[in-house]
Amino acid sequence: FYTYSGTEGDNGFYTSDVKVTPTDGYSIAKTLSDDFSAYVTYTESDAKPTVYLQKKSTGQITEKAALSEIKIDKEKPEGENASSGKTYYKKAMAVTVTDDNLASVTINDMTIDVSDGKAVANLVASGEKDKYVLKAKDSAGNARVVTFYLAP
């Protein structure tokens, strides 16, 4: 009875707003107080979305209908102490990556443990200017790659 459209990510996520369109001959609304239209848009995740349909030919309105879960994640993982192209002059520092749906983080191809949407890597400067490539990806497939440097 419905079609979902948006940019599909990984693991059933969308990485954009999601438009829900009813089958031909019907209009749709999220609540009875909304205007019925050709589609409704979801801008964030909704575990239990519901809608009402109105048959165009008769004006008859259906009972509230449950939709499948809509999972939306439009944001790339964020890094603290990890700006592309920047050199950090410190003996040691922690690089933190966060995202509600954080799935994986690597620094120079070394896997960093992810727990509760957060990963922390403790880096120690060698005697040289060291290059680090941080790659972070969330469950929706949003990815961030950052190259930075650490020097004593």
N, C-alpha and C. Protein backbone atom coordinates (compact mmCIF):
# COMPACT_ATOMS: atom_id res chain seq x y z
N PHE A 1 0.81 -1.21 0.00
CA PHE A 1 0.00 0.00 0.00
C PHE A 1 0.85 1.27 0.00
N TYR A 2 2.13 1.14 0.32
CA TYR A 2 3.00 2.32 0.44
C TYR A 2 4.32 2.06 -0.27
N THR A 3 4.94 3.12 -0.71
CA THR A 3 6.33 3.03 -1.17
C THR A 3 7.14 4.04 -0.38
N TYR A 4 8.37 3.66 -0.06
CA TYR A 4 9.30 4.54 0.63
C TYR A 4 10.31 5.01 -0.40
N SER A 5 10.67 6.27 -0.36
CA SER A 5 11.73 6.75 -1.24
C SER A 5 12.64 7.69 -0.47
N GLY A 6 13.90 7.58 -0.78
CA GLY A 6 14.95 8.36 -0.14
C GLY A 6 16.27 7.73 -0.52
N THR A 7 17.35 8.27 -0.02
CA THR A 7 18.67 7.71 -0.30
C THR A 7 18.92 6.55 0.66
N GLU A 8 19.01 5.36 0.09
CA GLU A 8 19.21 4.18 0.94
C GLU A 8 20.67 4.08 1.36
N GLY A 9 20.86 3.84 2.65
CA GLY A 9 22.19 3.61 3.19
C GLY A 9 22.38 2.12 3.44
N ASP A 10 23.14 1.78 4.45
CA ASP A 10 23.38 0.39 4.82
C ASP A 10 22.44 -0.03 5.94
N ASN A 11 22.26 -1.32 6.10
CA ASN A 11 21.55 -1.91 7.24
C ASN A 11 20.13 -1.38 7.43
N GLY A 12 19.43 -1.10 6.35
CA GLY A 12 18.05 -0.64 6.44
C GLY A 12 17.90 0.83 6.78
N PHE A 13 18.98 1.58 6.82
CA PHE A 13 18.93 3.01 7.10
C PHE A 13 18.73 3.79 5.80
N TYR A 14 18.20 4.98 5.95
CA TYR A 14 18.19 5.99 4.90
C TYR A 14 19.14 7.09 5.33
N THR A 15 19.83 7.69 4.37
CA THR A 15 20.75 8.78 4.68
C THR A 15 20.17 10.11 4.20
N SER A 16 18.87 10.15 4.05
CA SER A 16 18.15 11.36 3.65
C SER A 16 16.76 11.30 4.27
N ASP A 17 15.98 12.36 4.06
CA ASP A 17 14.58 12.31 4.46
C ASP A 17 13.91 11.18 3.70
N VAL A 18 12.81 10.65 4.25
CA VAL A 18 12.09 9.55 3.61
C VAL A 18 10.68 10.01 3.26
N LYS A 19 10.34 9.81 2.01
CA LYS A 19 9.00 10.15 1.53
C LYS A 19 8.19 8.86 1.45
N VAL A 20 6.99 8.87 2.09
CA VAL A 20 6.09 7.72 2.05
C VAL A 20 4.91 8.09 1.16
N THR A 21 4.71 7.30 0.12
CA THR A 21 3.67 7.57 -0.87
C THR A 21 2.68 6.41 -0.87
N PRO A 22 1.38 6.69 -0.78
CA PRO A 22 0.39 5.60 -0.80
C PRO A 22 0.14 5.11 -2.23
N THR A 23 -0.54 4.00 -2.32
CA THR A 23 -0.91 3.44 -3.61
C THR A 23 -1.84 4.41 -4.35
N ASP A 24 -1.93 4.26 -5.66
CA ASP A 24 -2.79 5.13 -6.46
C ASP A 24 -4.22 5.15 -5.93
N GLY A 25 -4.84 6.30 -5.99
CA GLY A 25 -6.22 6.45 -5.55
C GLY A 25 -6.37 6.89 -4.11
N TYR A 26 -5.23 7.08 -3.41
CA TYR A 26 -5.28 7.45 -2.00
C TYR A 26 -4.41 8.68 -1.73
N SER A 27 -4.81 9.44 -0.72
CA SER A 27 -4.00 10.50 -0.15
C SER A 27 -3.58 10.04 1.23
N ILE A 28 -2.58 10.70 1.82
CA ILE A 28 -2.00 10.24 3.07
C ILE A 28 -1.78 11.41 4.02
N ALA A 29 -1.86 11.15 5.33
CA ALA A 29 -1.57 12.14 6.37
C ALA A 29 -1.02 11.41 7.59
N LYS A 30 -0.16 12.10 8.35
CA LYS A 30 0.38 11.50 9.57
C LYS A 30 -0.64 11.49 10.70
N THR A 31 -1.47 12.54 10.77
CA THR A 31 -2.51 12.62 11.80
C THR A 31 -3.82 13.05 11.14
N LEU A 32 -4.91 12.86 11.84
CA LEU A 32 -6.21 13.27 11.29
C LEU A 32 -6.33 14.78 11.14
N SER A 33 -5.54 15.53 11.91
CA SER A 33 -5.62 16.99 11.82
C SER A 33 -4.75 17.55 10.69
N ASP A 34 -3.89 16.71 10.09
CA ASP A 34 -3.07 17.14 8.95
C ASP A 34 -3.90 17.14 7.68
N ASP A 35 -3.47 17.93 6.71
CA ASP A 35 -4.07 17.87 5.39
C ASP A 35 -3.61 16.59 4.70
N PHE A 36 -4.52 15.93 4.01
CA PHE A 36 -4.16 14.74 3.23
C PHE A 36 -3.48 15.20 1.95
N SER A 37 -2.40 14.50 1.56
CA SER A 37 -1.65 14.90 0.37
C SER A 37 -1.13 13.65 -0.35
N ALA A 38 -0.34 13.86 -1.38
CA ALA A 38 0.19 12.76 -2.19
C ALA A 38 1.26 11.95 -1.46
N TYR A 39 1.89 12.55 -0.44
CA TYR A 39 2.93 11.85 0.32
C TYR A 39 3.14 12.55 1.66
N VAL A 40 3.82 11.86 2.57
CA VAL A 40 4.29 12.47 3.82
C VAL A 40 5.80 12.26 3.89
N THR A 41 6.47 13.15 4.60
CA THR A 41 7.92 13.09 4.70
C THR A 41 8.34 12.90 6.16
N TYR A 42 9.25 11.98 6.36
CA TYR A 42 9.87 11.77 7.68
C TYR A 42 11.29 12.31 7.60
N THR A 43 11.66 13.15 8.57
CA THR A 43 12.98 13.76 8.58
C THR A 43 13.91 13.15 9.62
N GLU A 44 13.36 12.30 10.48
CA GLU A 44 14.17 11.60 11.47
C GLU A 44 13.57 10.22 11.71
N SER A 45 14.32 9.36 12.37
CA SER A 45 13.88 7.99 12.61
C SER A 45 12.58 7.95 13.38
N ASP A 46 11.78 6.93 13.09
CA ASP A 46 10.53 6.71 13.81
C ASP A 46 10.34 5.21 13.91
N ALA A 47 10.40 4.68 15.14
CA ALA A 47 10.31 3.24 15.35
C ALA A 47 8.91 2.70 15.04
N LYS A 48 7.89 3.53 15.26
CA LYS A 48 6.51 3.06 15.05
C LYS A 48 5.70 4.13 14.31
N PRO A 49 6.05 4.41 13.06
CA PRO A 49 5.30 5.43 12.33
C PRO A 49 3.88 4.95 11.99
N THR A 50 2.94 5.88 12.04
CA THR A 50 1.56 5.58 11.67
C THR A 50 1.04 6.66 10.73
N VAL A 51 0.09 6.27 9.89
CA VAL A 51 -0.50 7.21 8.93
C VAL A 51 -1.99 6.91 8.78
N TYR A 52 -2.68 7.84 8.15
CA TYR A 52 -4.07 7.66 7.76
C TYR A 52 -4.13 7.81 6.24
N LEU A 53 -5.01 7.03 5.63
CA LEU A 53 -5.23 7.13 4.19
C LEU A 53 -6.63 7.64 3.93
N GLN A 54 -6.77 8.38 2.84
CA GLN A 54 -8.08 8.86 2.42
C GLN A 54 -8.28 8.43 0.97
N LYS A 55 -9.38 7.68 0.73
CA LYS A 55 -9.69 7.27 -0.63
C LYS A 55 -10.16 8.48 -1.40
N LYS A 56 -9.48 8.81 -2.50
CA LYS A 56 -9.78 10.02 -3.26
C LYS A 56 -11.19 10.02 -3.83
N SER A 57 -11.68 8.88 -4.27
CA SER A 57 -12.99 8.83 -4.94
C SER A 57 -14.17 9.01 -3.99
N THR A 58 -13.99 8.60 -2.72
CA THR A 58 -15.12 8.67 -1.77
C THR A 58 -14.87 9.61 -0.60
N GLY A 59 -13.60 9.96 -0.34
CA GLY A 59 -13.27 10.77 0.82
C GLY A 59 -13.19 9.97 2.10
N GLN A 60 -13.45 8.66 2.03
CA GLN A 60 -13.41 7.80 3.21
C GLN A 60 -12.00 7.72 3.77
N ILE A 61 -11.89 7.83 5.10
CA ILE A 61 -10.60 7.80 5.79
C ILE A 61 -10.45 6.46 6.50
N THR A 62 -9.29 5.86 6.37
CA THR A 62 -9.03 4.56 7.00
C THR A 62 -8.72 4.73 8.49
N GLU A 63 -8.69 3.61 9.17
CA GLU A 63 -8.18 3.58 10.54
C GLU A 63 -6.68 3.87 10.49
N LYS A 64 -6.10 4.22 11.63
CA LYS A 64 -4.66 4.45 11.70
C LYS A 64 -3.93 3.19 11.25
N ALA A 65 -2.96 3.34 10.36
CA ALA A 65 -2.20 2.21 9.84
C ALA A 65 -0.75 2.31 10.28
N ALA A 66 -0.19 1.20 10.72
CA ALA A 66 1.21 1.16 11.15
C ALA A 66 2.10 0.90 9.94
N LEU A 67 3.20 1.64 9.86
CA LEU A 67 4.20 1.45 8.82
C LEU A 67 5.38 0.68 9.40
N SER A 68 6.26 0.22 8.53
CA SER A 68 7.51 -0.38 8.98
C SER A 68 8.38 0.71 9.59
N GLU A 69 9.26 0.31 10.49
CA GLU A 69 10.19 1.26 11.11
C GLU A 69 10.94 2.04 10.05
N ILE A 70 11.11 3.34 10.30
CA ILE A 70 11.88 4.20 9.40
C ILE A 70 13.14 4.61 10.16
N LYS A 71 14.30 4.18 9.63
CA LYS A 71 15.58 4.51 10.26
C LYS A 71 16.31 5.51 9.38
N ILE A 72 16.58 6.69 9.94
CA ILE A 72 17.25 7.75 9.21
C ILE A 72 18.49 8.20 9.97
N ASP A 73 19.61 8.26 9.27
CA ASP A 73 20.86 8.80 9.83
C ASP A 73 21.54 9.56 8.71
N LYS A 74 21.50 10.89 8.80
CA LYS A 74 22.05 11.75 7.75
C LYS A 74 23.44 12.28 8.07
N GLU A 75 23.92 12.05 9.28
CA GLU A 75 25.15 12.67 9.76
C GLU A 75 26.34 11.72 9.70
N LYS A 76 27.49 12.24 9.28
CA LYS A 76 28.74 11.48 9.33
C LYS A 76 29.25 11.49 10.76
N PRO A 77 30.02 10.47 11.14
CA PRO A 77 30.64 10.47 12.47
C PRO A 77 31.50 11.73 12.66
N GLU A 78 31.54 12.21 13.89
CA GLU A 78 32.31 13.42 14.23
C GLU A 78 33.56 13.04 15.00
N GLY A 79 34.65 13.76 14.72
CA GLY A 79 35.91 13.51 15.42
C GLY A 79 36.36 14.73 16.19
N GLU A 80 36.85 14.49 17.40
CA GLU A 80 37.44 15.56 18.23
C GLU A 80 38.94 15.36 18.23
N ASN A 81 39.70 16.43 18.03
CA ASN A 81 41.17 16.37 17.85
C ASN A 81 41.51 15.65 16.56
N ALA A 82 40.70 15.85 15.53
CA ALA A 82 40.95 15.20 14.26
C ALA A 82 40.38 16.06 13.13
N SER A 83 41.10 17.12 12.79
CA SER A 83 40.69 17.99 11.68
C SER A 83 41.63 17.75 10.50
N SER A 84 41.05 17.58 9.34
CA SER A 84 41.84 17.28 8.15
C SER A 84 42.91 18.33 7.88
N GLY A 85 44.13 17.84 7.66
CA GLY A 85 45.24 18.72 7.32
C GLY A 85 45.91 19.40 8.49
N LYS A 86 45.35 19.27 9.68
CA LYS A 86 45.89 19.98 10.84
C LYS A 86 47.04 19.20 11.48
N THR A 87 48.02 19.94 12.00
CA THR A 87 49.10 19.34 12.77
C THR A 87 48.91 19.72 14.23
N TYR A 88 48.92 18.71 15.09
CA TYR A 88 48.77 18.92 16.54
C TYR A 88 50.16 18.78 17.15
N TYR A 89 50.60 19.80 17.89
CA TYR A 89 51.91 19.78 18.53
C TYR A 89 51.71 19.45 20.00
N LYS A 90 51.79 18.17 20.32
CA LYS A 90 51.57 17.66 21.68
C LYS A 90 52.40 16.40 21.87
N LYS A 91 52.69 16.10 23.12
CA LYS A 91 53.38 14.84 23.43
C LYS A 91 52.44 13.66 23.25
N ALA A 92 51.19 13.89 23.65
CA ALA A 92 50.18 12.84 23.55
C ALA A 92 48.81 13.51 23.45
N MET A 93 47.87 12.80 22.85
CA MET A 93 46.50 13.32 22.79
C MET A 93 45.53 12.19 22.52
N ALA A 94 44.30 12.44 22.90
CA ALA A 94 43.22 11.48 22.65
C ALA A 94 42.39 11.98 21.47
N VAL A 95 42.10 11.08 20.56
CA VAL A 95 41.21 11.37 19.44
C VAL A 95 39.91 10.63 19.73
N THR A 96 38.80 11.38 19.73
CA THR A 96 37.50 10.79 20.05
C THR A 96 36.59 10.91 18.83
N VAL A 97 35.92 9.81 18.50
CA VAL A 97 34.94 9.80 17.42
C VAL A 97 33.60 9.39 18.01
N THR A 98 32.56 10.16 17.65
CA THR A 98 31.22 9.86 18.16
C THR A 98 30.20 9.85 17.03
N ASP A 99 29.17 9.05 17.22
CA ASP A 99 28.02 9.00 16.32
C ASP A 99 26.99 8.09 16.99
N ASP A 100 25.73 8.45 16.88
CA ASP A 100 24.68 7.63 17.49
C ASP A 100 24.72 6.18 17.01
N ASN A 101 25.12 5.97 15.77
CA ASN A 101 25.14 4.64 15.19
C ASN A 101 26.55 4.22 14.76
N LEU A 102 27.55 4.66 15.52
CA LEU A 102 28.95 4.40 15.15
C LEU A 102 29.19 2.90 15.02
N ALA A 103 29.77 2.49 13.88
CA ALA A 103 30.00 1.07 13.62
C ALA A 103 31.48 0.70 13.66
N SER A 104 32.33 1.53 13.03
CA SER A 104 33.75 1.17 13.00
C SER A 104 34.62 2.42 12.90
N VAL A 105 35.82 2.29 13.51
CA VAL A 105 36.81 3.37 13.46
C VAL A 105 38.18 2.71 13.31
N THR A 106 38.97 3.23 12.38
CA THR A 106 40.36 2.81 12.27
C THR A 106 41.24 4.05 12.20
N ILE A 107 42.44 3.91 12.71
CA ILE A 107 43.47 4.94 12.56
C ILE A 107 44.69 4.22 12.01
N ASN A 108 45.13 4.65 10.82
CA ASN A 108 46.22 3.98 10.11
C ASN A 108 45.98 2.47 10.04
N ASP A 109 44.77 2.10 9.70
CA ASP A 109 44.33 0.71 9.53
C ASP A 109 44.34 -0.12 10.81
N MET A 110 44.51 0.51 11.97
CA MET A 110 44.39 -0.19 13.25
C MET A 110 42.98 0.05 13.79
N THR A 111 42.28 -1.02 14.11
CA THR A 111 40.90 -0.93 14.58
C THR A 111 40.84 -0.37 16.00
N ILE A 112 39.95 0.59 16.20
CA ILE A 112 39.73 1.19 17.52
C ILE A 112 38.39 0.67 18.03
N ASP A 113 38.35 0.25 19.31
CA ASP A 113 37.12 -0.28 19.89
C ASP A 113 36.03 0.78 19.92
N VAL A 114 34.81 0.36 19.57
CA VAL A 114 33.64 1.23 19.59
C VAL A 114 32.71 0.73 20.69
N SER A 115 32.26 1.65 21.54
CA SER A 115 31.34 1.31 22.61
C SER A 115 30.37 2.46 22.83
N ASP A 116 29.10 2.17 22.83
CA ASP A 116 28.05 3.18 23.08
C ASP A 116 28.20 4.41 22.19
N GLY A 117 28.46 4.18 20.91
CA GLY A 117 28.53 5.28 19.96
C GLY A 117 29.78 6.14 20.07
N LYS A 118 30.84 5.58 20.68
CA LYS A 118 32.06 6.37 20.90
C LYS A 118 33.29 5.48 20.75
N ALA A 119 34.35 6.07 20.19
CA ALA A 119 35.65 5.40 20.10
C ALA A 119 36.72 6.40 20.48
N VAL A 120 37.69 5.96 21.29
CA VAL A 120 38.77 6.84 21.73
C VAL A 120 40.11 6.17 21.42
N ALA A 121 40.99 6.92 20.77
CA ALA A 121 42.34 6.44 20.49
C ALA A 121 43.32 7.37 21.19
N ASN A 122 44.21 6.80 21.97
CA ASN A 122 45.24 7.59 22.65
C ASN A 122 46.52 7.50 21.82
N LEU A 123 46.96 8.65 21.34
CA LEU A 123 48.14 8.72 20.47
C LEU A 123 49.29 9.37 21.22
N VAL A 124 50.50 8.87 20.95
CA VAL A 124 51.71 9.41 21.56
C VAL A 124 52.64 9.82 20.43
N ALA A 125 53.14 11.05 20.52
CA ALA A 125 54.04 11.56 19.48
C ALA A 125 55.38 10.84 19.53
N SER A 126 55.88 10.52 18.34
CA SER A 126 57.24 9.98 18.26
C SER A 126 58.17 11.18 18.15
N GLY A 127 59.38 10.98 17.75
CA GLY A 127 60.30 12.10 17.60
C GLY A 127 60.10 12.85 16.29
N GLU A 128 59.19 12.38 15.46
CA GLU A 128 58.96 12.95 14.13
C GLU A 128 57.52 13.47 14.03
N LYS A 129 57.22 14.05 12.90
CA LYS A 129 55.85 14.44 12.58
C LYS A 129 55.16 13.21 11.99
N ASP A 130 54.21 12.65 12.72
CA ASP A 130 53.54 11.42 12.30
C ASP A 130 52.21 11.72 11.61
N LYS A 131 51.98 11.01 10.52
CA LYS A 131 50.73 11.15 9.77
C LYS A 131 49.73 10.09 10.23
N TYR A 132 48.48 10.52 10.45
CA TYR A 132 47.42 9.61 10.85
C TYR A 132 46.24 9.76 9.88
N VAL A 133 45.69 8.63 9.50
CA VAL A 133 44.49 8.62 8.66
C VAL A 133 43.39 7.94 9.47
N LEU A 134 42.39 8.72 9.83
CA LEU A 134 41.26 8.23 10.60
C LEU A 134 40.11 7.94 9.65
N LYS A 135 39.54 6.75 9.76
CA LYS A 135 38.37 6.37 8.97
C LYS A 135 37.28 5.94 9.93
N ALA A 136 36.13 6.60 9.85
CA ALA A 136 35.01 6.27 10.72
C ALA A 136 33.77 6.05 9.88
N LYS A 137 32.99 5.03 10.24
CA LYS A 137 31.77 4.71 9.49
C LYS A 137 30.67 4.37 10.48
N ASP A 138 29.45 4.83 10.17
CA ASP A 138 28.33 4.47 11.03
C ASP A 138 27.52 3.36 10.37
N SER A 139 26.53 2.83 11.09
CA SER A 139 25.73 1.71 10.60
C SER A 139 24.96 2.04 9.33
N ALA A 140 24.68 3.32 9.10
CA ALA A 140 23.94 3.73 7.91
C ALA A 140 24.84 3.82 6.68
N GLY A 141 26.14 3.76 6.89
CA GLY A 141 27.08 3.86 5.77
C GLY A 141 27.69 5.24 5.61
N ASN A 142 27.31 6.19 6.47
CA ASN A 142 27.94 7.51 6.43
C ASN A 142 29.40 7.35 6.87
N ALA A 143 30.32 7.91 6.11
CA ALA A 143 31.74 7.73 6.42
C ALA A 143 32.46 9.07 6.45
N ARG A 144 33.47 9.14 7.29
CA ARG A 144 34.34 10.31 7.36
C ARG A 144 35.78 9.81 7.35
N VAL A 145 36.60 10.44 6.50
CA VAL A 145 38.02 10.15 6.44
C VAL A 145 38.76 11.46 6.72
N VAL A 146 39.66 11.41 7.68
CA VAL A 146 40.40 12.61 8.10
C VAL A 146 41.89 12.26 8.16
N THR A 147 42.70 13.11 7.58
CA THR A 147 44.15 12.96 7.66
C THR A 147 44.69 14.12 8.50
N PHE A 148 45.43 13.77 9.55
CA PHE A 148 46.01 14.81 10.43
C PHE A 148 47.39 14.35 10.86
N TYR A 149 48.09 15.24 11.56
CA TYR A 149 49.47 14.98 11.96
C TYR A 149 49.65 15.23 13.44
N LEU A 150 50.57 14.50 14.05
CA LEU A 150 50.93 14.70 15.46
C LEU A 150 52.44 14.83 15.52
N ALA A 151 52.90 15.92 16.14
CA ALA A 151 54.34 16.18 16.26
C ALA A 151 54.64 16.62 17.68
N PRO A 152 55.81 16.25 18.20
CA PRO A 152 56.16 16.66 19.57
C PRO A 152 56.41 18.16 19.66
